[in-house]
Amino acid sequence: MDVKAGDRILFGKWSGTEIKLDGEDLMIM
């Protein structure tokens, strides 16, 4: 992968799938 945990990224408006994990709203893309 070209990215790693901790990287700050920019993504498209319609990117990813929203999930709730341990009460926190996150995205998988």
PDB file of all heavy atoms in Angstrom:
ATOM      1  N   MET A   1       0.848  -1.192   0.000  1.00  0.00           N
ATOM      2  CA  MET A   1       0.000   0.000   0.000  1.00  0.00           C
ATOM      3  C   MET A   1       0.891   1.252   0.000  1.00  0.00           C
ATOM      4  O   MET A   1       1.987   1.236   0.568  1.00  0.00           O
ATOM      5  CB  MET A   1      -0.889   0.010   1.236  1.00  0.00           C
ATOM      6  CG  MET A   1      -1.800  -1.204   1.359  1.00  0.00           C
ATOM      7  SD  MET A   1      -3.279  -1.060   0.376  1.00  0.00           S
ATOM      8  CE  MET A   1      -4.276  -0.073   1.460  1.00  0.00           C
ATOM      9  N   ASP A   2       0.414   2.330  -0.615  1.00  0.00           N
ATOM     10  CA  ASP A   2       1.155   3.591  -0.648  1.00  0.00           C
ATOM     11  C   ASP A   2       0.869   4.459   0.573  1.00  0.00           C
ATOM     12  O   ASP A   2       1.530   5.471   0.778  1.00  0.00           O
ATOM     13  CB  ASP A   2       0.802   4.378  -1.913  1.00  0.00           C
ATOM     14  CG  ASP A   2       1.369   3.736  -3.165  1.00  0.00           C
ATOM     15  OD1 ASP A   2       2.438   3.101  -3.083  1.00  0.00           O
ATOM     16  OD2 ASP A   2       0.734   3.858  -4.233  1.00  0.00           O
ATOM     17  N   VAL A   3      -0.148   4.095   1.363  1.00  0.00           N
ATOM     18  CA  VAL A   3      -0.518   4.866   2.549  1.00  0.00           C
ATOM     19  C   VAL A   3      -0.318   3.997   3.789  1.00  0.00           C
ATOM     20  O   VAL A   3      -0.207   2.782   3.690  1.00  0.00           O
ATOM     21  CB  VAL A   3      -1.985   5.356   2.466  1.00  0.00           C
ATOM     22  CG1 VAL A   3      -2.156   6.355   1.346  1.00  0.00           C
ATOM     23  CG2 VAL A   3      -2.950   4.189   2.302  1.00  0.00           C
ATOM     24  N   LYS A   4      -0.280   4.662   4.944  1.00  0.00           N
ATOM     25  CA  LYS A   4      -0.092   3.937   6.202  1.00  0.00           C
ATOM     26  C   LYS A   4      -0.972   4.576   7.278  1.00  0.00           C
ATOM     27  O   LYS A   4      -1.455   5.703   7.106  1.00  0.00           O
ATOM     28  CB  LYS A   4       1.372   3.944   6.618  1.00  0.00           C
ATOM     29  CG  LYS A   4       1.921   5.340   6.882  1.00  0.00           C
ATOM     30  CD  LYS A   4       3.413   5.317   7.090  1.00  0.00           C
ATOM     31  CE  LYS A   4       4.005   6.682   7.334  1.00  0.00           C
ATOM     32  NZ  LYS A   4       3.677   7.716   6.390  1.00  0.00           N
ATOM     33  N   ALA A   5      -1.166   3.867   8.372  1.00  0.00           N
ATOM     34  CA  ALA A   5      -1.942   4.391   9.494  1.00  0.00           C
ATOM     35  C   ALA A   5      -1.311   5.700   9.968  1.00  0.00           C
ATOM     36  O   ALA A   5      -0.091   5.819  10.046  1.00  0.00           O
ATOM     37  CB  ALA A   5      -1.987   3.375  10.624  1.00  0.00           C
ATOM     38  N   GLY A   6      -2.159   6.685  10.233  1.00  0.00           N
ATOM     39  CA  GLY A   6      -1.679   7.992  10.682  1.00  0.00           C
ATOM     40  C   GLY A   6      -1.599   9.024   9.570  1.00  0.00           C
ATOM     41  O   GLY A   6      -1.516  10.221   9.852  1.00  0.00           O
ATOM     42  N   ASP A   7      -1.603   8.587   8.294  1.00  0.00           N
ATOM     43  CA  ASP A   7      -1.567   9.537   7.174  1.00  0.00           C
ATOM     44  C   ASP A   7      -2.851  10.358   7.145  1.00  0.00           C
ATOM     45  O   ASP A   7      -3.938   9.845   7.390  1.00  0.00           O
ATOM     46  CB  ASP A   7      -1.432   8.806   5.831  1.00  0.00           C
ATOM     47  CG  ASP A   7      -0.022   8.326   5.551  1.00  0.00           C
ATOM     48  OD1 ASP A   7       0.897   8.698   6.308  1.00  0.00           O
ATOM     49  OD2 ASP A   7       0.150   7.577   4.577  1.00  0.00           O
ATOM     50  N   ARG A   8      -2.709  11.637   6.825  1.00  0.00           N
ATOM     51  CA  ARG A   8      -3.856  12.529   6.642  1.00  0.00           C
ATOM     52  C   ARG A   8      -4.136  12.575   5.144  1.00  0.00           C
ATOM     53  O   ARG A   8      -3.236  12.886   4.361  1.00  0.00           O
ATOM     54  CB  ARG A   8      -3.508  13.914   7.180  1.00  0.00           C
ATOM     55  CG  ARG A   8      -4.687  14.788   7.372  1.00  0.00           C
ATOM     56  CD  ARG A   8      -4.268  16.048   8.098  1.00  0.00           C
ATOM     57  NE  ARG A   8      -5.403  16.924   8.153  1.00  0.00           N
ATOM     58  CZ  ARG A   8      -5.688  17.711   9.162  1.00  0.00           C
ATOM     59  NH1 ARG A   8      -4.886  17.732  10.197  1.00  0.00           N
ATOM     60  NH2 ARG A   8      -6.742  18.478   9.133  1.00  0.00           N
ATOM     61  N   ILE A   9      -5.375  12.249   4.760  1.00  0.00           N
ATOM     62  CA  ILE A   9      -5.700  12.091   3.342  1.00  0.00           C
ATOM     63  C   ILE A   9      -6.866  12.969   2.914  1.00  0.00           C
ATOM     64  O   ILE A   9      -7.621  13.477   3.733  1.00  0.00           O
ATOM     65  CB  ILE A   9      -6.053  10.616   3.026  1.00  0.00           C
ATOM     66  CG1 ILE A   9      -7.255  10.161   3.847  1.00  0.00           C
ATOM     67  CG2 ILE A   9      -4.846   9.721   3.244  1.00  0.00           C
ATOM     68  CD1 ILE A   9      -7.902   8.893   3.360  1.00  0.00           C
ATOM     69  N   LEU A  10      -6.992  13.107   1.608  1.00  0.00           N
ATOM     70  CA  LEU A  10      -8.110  13.777   0.964  1.00  0.00           C
ATOM     71  C   LEU A  10      -8.788  12.730   0.102  1.00  0.00           C
ATOM     72  O   LEU A  10      -8.108  11.964  -0.585  1.00  0.00           O
ATOM     73  CB  LEU A  10      -7.563  14.904   0.080  1.00  0.00           C
ATOM     74  CG  LEU A  10      -8.366  16.177  -0.068  1.00  0.00           C
ATOM     75  CD1 LEU A  10      -8.677  16.773   1.278  1.00  0.00           C
ATOM     76  CD2 LEU A  10      -7.629  17.152  -0.921  1.00  0.00           C
ATOM     77  N   PHE A  11     -10.128  12.671   0.140  1.00  0.00           N
ATOM     78  CA  PHE A  11     -10.848  11.676  -0.645  1.00  0.00           C
ATOM     79  C   PHE A  11     -12.051  12.310  -1.322  1.00  0.00           C
ATOM     80  O   PHE A  11     -12.458  13.415  -0.970  1.00  0.00           O
ATOM     81  CB  PHE A  11     -11.271  10.482   0.221  1.00  0.00           C
ATOM     82  CG  PHE A  11     -11.997  10.846   1.487  1.00  0.00           C
ATOM     83  CD1 PHE A  11     -13.373  11.014   1.504  1.00  0.00           C
ATOM     84  CD2 PHE A  11     -11.305  11.011   2.663  1.00  0.00           C
ATOM     85  CE1 PHE A  11     -14.031  11.349   2.665  1.00  0.00           C
ATOM     86  CE2 PHE A  11     -11.955  11.333   3.838  1.00  0.00           C
ATOM     87  CZ  PHE A  11     -13.327  11.509   3.838  1.00  0.00           C
ATOM     88  N   GLY A  12     -12.609  11.619  -2.300  1.00  0.00           N
ATOM     89  CA  GLY A  12     -13.731  12.124  -3.073  1.00  0.00           C
ATOM     90  C   GLY A  12     -15.017  12.188  -2.267  1.00  0.00           C
ATOM     91  O   GLY A  12     -15.182  11.504  -1.263  1.00  0.00           O
ATOM     92  N   LYS A  13     -15.948  13.015  -2.736  1.00  0.00           N
ATOM     93  CA  LYS A  13     -17.204  13.261  -2.045  1.00  0.00           C
ATOM     94  C   LYS A  13     -18.014  11.984  -1.828  1.00  0.00           C
ATOM     95  O   LYS A  13     -18.646  11.801  -0.803  1.00  0.00           O
ATOM     96  CB  LYS A  13     -18.028  14.273  -2.847  1.00  0.00           C
ATOM     97  CG  LYS A  13     -19.283  14.726  -2.160  1.00  0.00           C
ATOM     98  CD  LYS A  13     -19.929  15.840  -2.952  1.00  0.00           C
ATOM     99  CE  LYS A  13     -21.100  16.425  -2.199  1.00  0.00           C
ATOM    100  NZ  LYS A  13     -21.635  17.611  -2.845  1.00  0.00           N
ATOM    101  N   TRP A  14     -18.040  11.093  -2.790  1.00  0.00           N
ATOM    102  CA  TRP A  14     -18.862   9.880  -2.715  1.00  0.00           C
ATOM    103  C   TRP A  14     -18.028   8.640  -2.408  1.00  0.00           C
ATOM    104  O   TRP A  14     -18.458   7.525  -2.648  1.00  0.00           O
ATOM    105  CB  TRP A  14     -19.631   9.688  -4.021  1.00  0.00           C
ATOM    106  CG  TRP A  14     -20.419  10.899  -4.384  1.00  0.00           C
ATOM    107  CD1 TRP A  14     -20.158  11.763  -5.396  1.00  0.00           C
ATOM    108  CD2 TRP A  14     -21.576  11.421  -3.710  1.00  0.00           C
ATOM    109  NE1 TRP A  14     -21.075  12.787  -5.413  1.00  0.00           N
ATOM    110  CE2 TRP A  14     -21.966  12.597  -4.378  1.00  0.00           C
ATOM    111  CE3 TRP A  14     -22.310  11.014  -2.609  1.00  0.00           C
ATOM    112  CZ2 TRP A  14     -23.052  13.359  -3.993  1.00  0.00           C
ATOM    113  CZ3 TRP A  14     -23.399  11.787  -2.228  1.00  0.00           C
ATOM    114  CH2 TRP A  14     -23.759  12.932  -2.910  1.00  0.00           C
ATOM    115  N   SER A  15     -16.862   8.804  -1.863  1.00  0.00           N
ATOM    116  CA  SER A  15     -15.963   7.680  -1.589  1.00  0.00           C
ATOM    117  C   SER A  15     -16.351   6.931  -0.325  1.00  0.00           C
ATOM    118  O   SER A  15     -16.833   7.515   0.641  1.00  0.00           O
ATOM    119  CB  SER A  15     -14.531   8.179  -1.408  1.00  0.00           C
ATOM    120  OG  SER A  15     -14.080   8.800  -2.571  1.00  0.00           O
ATOM    121  N   GLY A  16     -16.104   5.644  -0.332  1.00  0.00           N
ATOM    122  CA  GLY A  16     -16.189   4.833   0.869  1.00  0.00           C
ATOM    123  C   GLY A  16     -17.573   4.448   1.340  1.00  0.00           C
ATOM    124  O   GLY A  16     -18.583   4.883   0.794  1.00  0.00           O
ATOM    125  N   THR A  17     -17.579   3.611   2.358  1.00  0.00           N
ATOM    126  CA  THR A  17     -18.782   3.135   3.017  1.00  0.00           C
ATOM    127  C   THR A  17     -18.693   3.497   4.486  1.00  0.00           C
ATOM    128  O   THR A  17     -17.691   3.202   5.144  1.00  0.00           O
ATOM    129  CB  THR A  17     -18.890   1.589   2.879  1.00  0.00           C
ATOM    130  OG1 THR A  17     -18.901   1.257   1.495  1.00  0.00           O
ATOM    131  CG2 THR A  17     -20.139   1.065   3.552  1.00  0.00           C
ATOM    132  N   GLU A  18     -19.726   4.149   5.001  1.00  0.00           N
ATOM    133  CA  GLU A  18     -19.717   4.562   6.401  1.00  0.00           C
ATOM    134  C   GLU A  18     -20.091   3.386   7.287  1.00  0.00           C
ATOM    135  O   GLU A  18     -21.011   2.629   6.981  1.00  0.00           O
ATOM    136  CB  GLU A  18     -20.676   5.728   6.610  1.00  0.00           C
ATOM    137  CG  GLU A  18     -20.244   6.972   5.875  1.00  0.00           C
ATOM    138  CD  GLU A  18     -21.169   8.162   6.115  1.00  0.00           C
ATOM    139  OE1 GLU A  18     -22.149   8.029   6.871  1.00  0.00           O
ATOM    140  OE2 GLU A  18     -20.892   9.216   5.542  1.00  0.00           O
ATOM    141  N   ILE A  19     -19.357   3.229   8.392  1.00  0.00           N
ATOM    142  CA  ILE A  19     -19.646   2.188   9.375  1.00  0.00           C
ATOM    143  C   ILE A  19     -19.549   2.783  10.774  1.00  0.00           C
ATOM    144  O   ILE A  19     -18.986   3.865  10.960  1.00  0.00           O
ATOM    145  CB  ILE A  19     -18.678   0.982   9.261  1.00  0.00           C
ATOM    146  CG1 ILE A  19     -17.239   1.400   9.583  1.00  0.00           C
ATOM    147  CG2 ILE A  19     -18.755   0.336   7.898  1.00  0.00           C
ATOM    148  CD1 ILE A  19     -16.306   0.228   9.810  1.00  0.00           C
ATOM    149  N   LYS A  20     -20.117   2.082  11.748  1.00  0.00           N
ATOM    150  CA  LYS A  20     -19.981   2.484  13.149  1.00  0.00           C
ATOM    151  C   LYS A  20     -19.233   1.355  13.844  1.00  0.00           C
ATOM    152  O   LYS A  20     -19.643   0.201  13.793  1.00  0.00           O
ATOM    153  CB  LYS A  20     -21.347   2.701  13.786  1.00  0.00           C
ATOM    154  CG  LYS A  20     -21.271   3.330  15.164  1.00  0.00           C
ATOM    155  CD  LYS A  20     -22.627   3.741  15.669  1.00  0.00           C
ATOM    156  CE  LYS A  20     -23.044   5.029  15.065  1.00  0.00           C
ATOM    157  NZ  LYS A  20     -23.035   6.197  15.870  1.00  0.00           N
ATOM    158  N   LEU A  21     -18.104   1.686  14.446  1.00  0.00           N
ATOM    159  CA  LEU A  21     -17.257   0.705  15.094  1.00  0.00           C
ATOM    160  C   LEU A  21     -16.954   1.191  16.511  1.00  0.00           C
ATOM    161  O   LEU A  21     -16.383   2.277  16.672  1.00  0.00           O
ATOM    162  CB  LEU A  21     -15.969   0.527  14.291  1.00  0.00           C
ATOM    163  CG  LEU A  21     -15.057  -0.623  14.623  1.00  0.00           C
ATOM    164  CD1 LEU A  21     -15.768  -1.961  14.432  1.00  0.00           C
ATOM    165  CD2 LEU A  21     -13.824  -0.589  13.738  1.00  0.00           C
ATOM    166  N   ASP A  22     -17.368   0.444  17.503  1.00  0.00           N
ATOM    167  CA  ASP A  22     -17.203   0.844  18.906  1.00  0.00           C
ATOM    168  C   ASP A  22     -17.784   2.234  19.172  1.00  0.00           C
ATOM    169  O   ASP A  22     -17.193   3.051  19.883  1.00  0.00           O
ATOM    170  CB  ASP A  22     -15.728   0.813  19.323  1.00  0.00           C
ATOM    171  CG  ASP A  22     -15.164  -0.592  19.400  1.00  0.00           C
ATOM    172  OD1 ASP A  22     -15.962  -1.540  19.569  1.00  0.00           O
ATOM    173  OD2 ASP A  22     -13.935  -0.737  19.298  1.00  0.00           O
ATOM    174  N   GLY A  23     -18.933   2.538  18.550  1.00  0.00           N
ATOM    175  CA  GLY A  23     -19.607   3.814  18.764  1.00  0.00           C
ATOM    176  C   GLY A  23     -19.020   4.984  17.985  1.00  0.00           C
ATOM    177  O   GLY A  23     -19.497   6.103  18.102  1.00  0.00           O
ATOM    178  N   GLU A  24     -17.998   4.748  17.195  1.00  0.00           N
ATOM    179  CA  GLU A  24     -17.353   5.813  16.424  1.00  0.00           C
ATOM    180  C   GLU A  24     -17.707   5.666  14.948  1.00  0.00           C
ATOM    181  O   GLU A  24     -17.712   4.563  14.411  1.00  0.00           O
ATOM    182  CB  GLU A  24     -15.830   5.735  16.597  1.00  0.00           C
ATOM    183  CG  GLU A  24     -15.088   6.855  15.918  1.00  0.00           C
ATOM    184  CD  GLU A  24     -13.588   6.792  16.164  1.00  0.00           C
ATOM    185  OE1 GLU A  24     -13.076   5.786  16.663  1.00  0.00           O
ATOM    186  OE2 GLU A  24     -12.935   7.789  15.820  1.00  0.00           O
ATOM    187  N   ASP A  25     -18.040   6.786  14.295  1.00  0.00           N
ATOM    188  CA  ASP A  25     -18.345   6.779  12.871  1.00  0.00           C
ATOM    189  C   ASP A  25     -17.051   6.783  12.074  1.00  0.00           C
ATOM    190  O   ASP A  25     -16.246   7.712  12.193  1.00  0.00           O
ATOM    191  CB  ASP A  25     -19.195   7.996  12.478  1.00  0.00           C
ATOM    192  CG  ASP A  25     -20.597   7.922  13.065  1.00  0.00           C
ATOM    193  OD1 ASP A  25     -21.120   6.799  13.175  1.00  0.00           O
ATOM    194  OD2 ASP A  25     -21.158   8.978  13.409  1.00  0.00           O
ATOM    195  N   LEU A  26     -16.833   5.747  11.271  1.00  0.00           N
ATOM    196  CA  LEU A  26     -15.636   5.608  10.453  1.00  0.00           C
ATOM    197  C   LEU A  26     -16.050   5.284   9.026  1.00  0.00           C
ATOM    198  O   LEU A  26     -17.232   5.098   8.739  1.00  0.00           O
ATOM    199  CB  LEU A  26     -14.748   4.486  11.004  1.00  0.00           C
ATOM    200  CG  LEU A  26     -14.246   4.667  12.438  1.00  0.00           C
ATOM    201  CD1 LEU A  26     -13.636   3.375  12.953  1.00  0.00           C
ATOM    202  CD2 LEU A  26     -13.242   5.794  12.526  1.00  0.00           C
ATOM    203  N   MET A  27     -15.081   5.225   8.132  1.00  0.00           N
ATOM    204  CA  MET A  27     -15.330   4.880   6.741  1.00  0.00           C
ATOM    205  C   MET A  27     -14.341   3.818   6.290  1.00  0.00           C
ATOM    206  O   MET A  27     -13.185   3.830   6.718  1.00  0.00           O
ATOM    207  CB  MET A  27     -15.149   6.112   5.840  1.00  0.00           C
ATOM    208  CG  MET A  27     -16.150   7.195   6.051  1.00  0.00           C
ATOM    209  SD  MET A  27     -15.820   8.599   4.983  1.00  0.00           S
ATOM    210  CE  MET A  27     -16.003   7.865   3.385  1.00  0.00           C
ATOM    211  N   ILE A  28     -14.817   2.933   5.420  1.00  0.00           N
ATOM    212  CA  ILE A  28     -13.932   1.976   4.756  1.00  0.00           C
ATOM    213  C   ILE A  28     -13.927   2.353   3.283  1.00  0.00           C
ATOM    214  O   ILE A  28     -14.989   2.579   2.691  1.00  0.00           O
ATOM    215  CB  ILE A  28     -14.434   0.528   4.912  1.00  0.00           C
ATOM    216  CG1 ILE A  28     -14.418   0.114   6.371  1.00  0.00           C
ATOM    217  CG2 ILE A  28     -13.572  -0.412   4.082  1.00  0.00           C
ATOM    218  CD1 ILE A  28     -14.992  -1.258   6.612  1.00  0.00           C
ATOM    219  N   MET A  29     -12.743   2.457   2.706  1.00  0.00           N
ATOM    220  CA  MET A  29     -12.650   2.788   1.279  1.00  0.00           C
ATOM    221  C   MET A  29     -11.451   2.087   0.671  1.00  0.00           C
ATOM    222  O   MET A  29     -10.543   1.674   1.377  1.00  0.00           O
ATOM    223  CB  MET A  29     -12.576   4.303   1.068  1.00  0.00           C
ATOM    224  CG  MET A  29     -11.329   4.955   1.562  1.00  0.00           C
ATOM    225  SD  MET A  29     -11.282   6.740   1.283  1.00  0.00           S
ATOM    226  CE  MET A  29     -12.576   7.313   2.356  1.00  0.00           C
TER     227      MET A  29
END
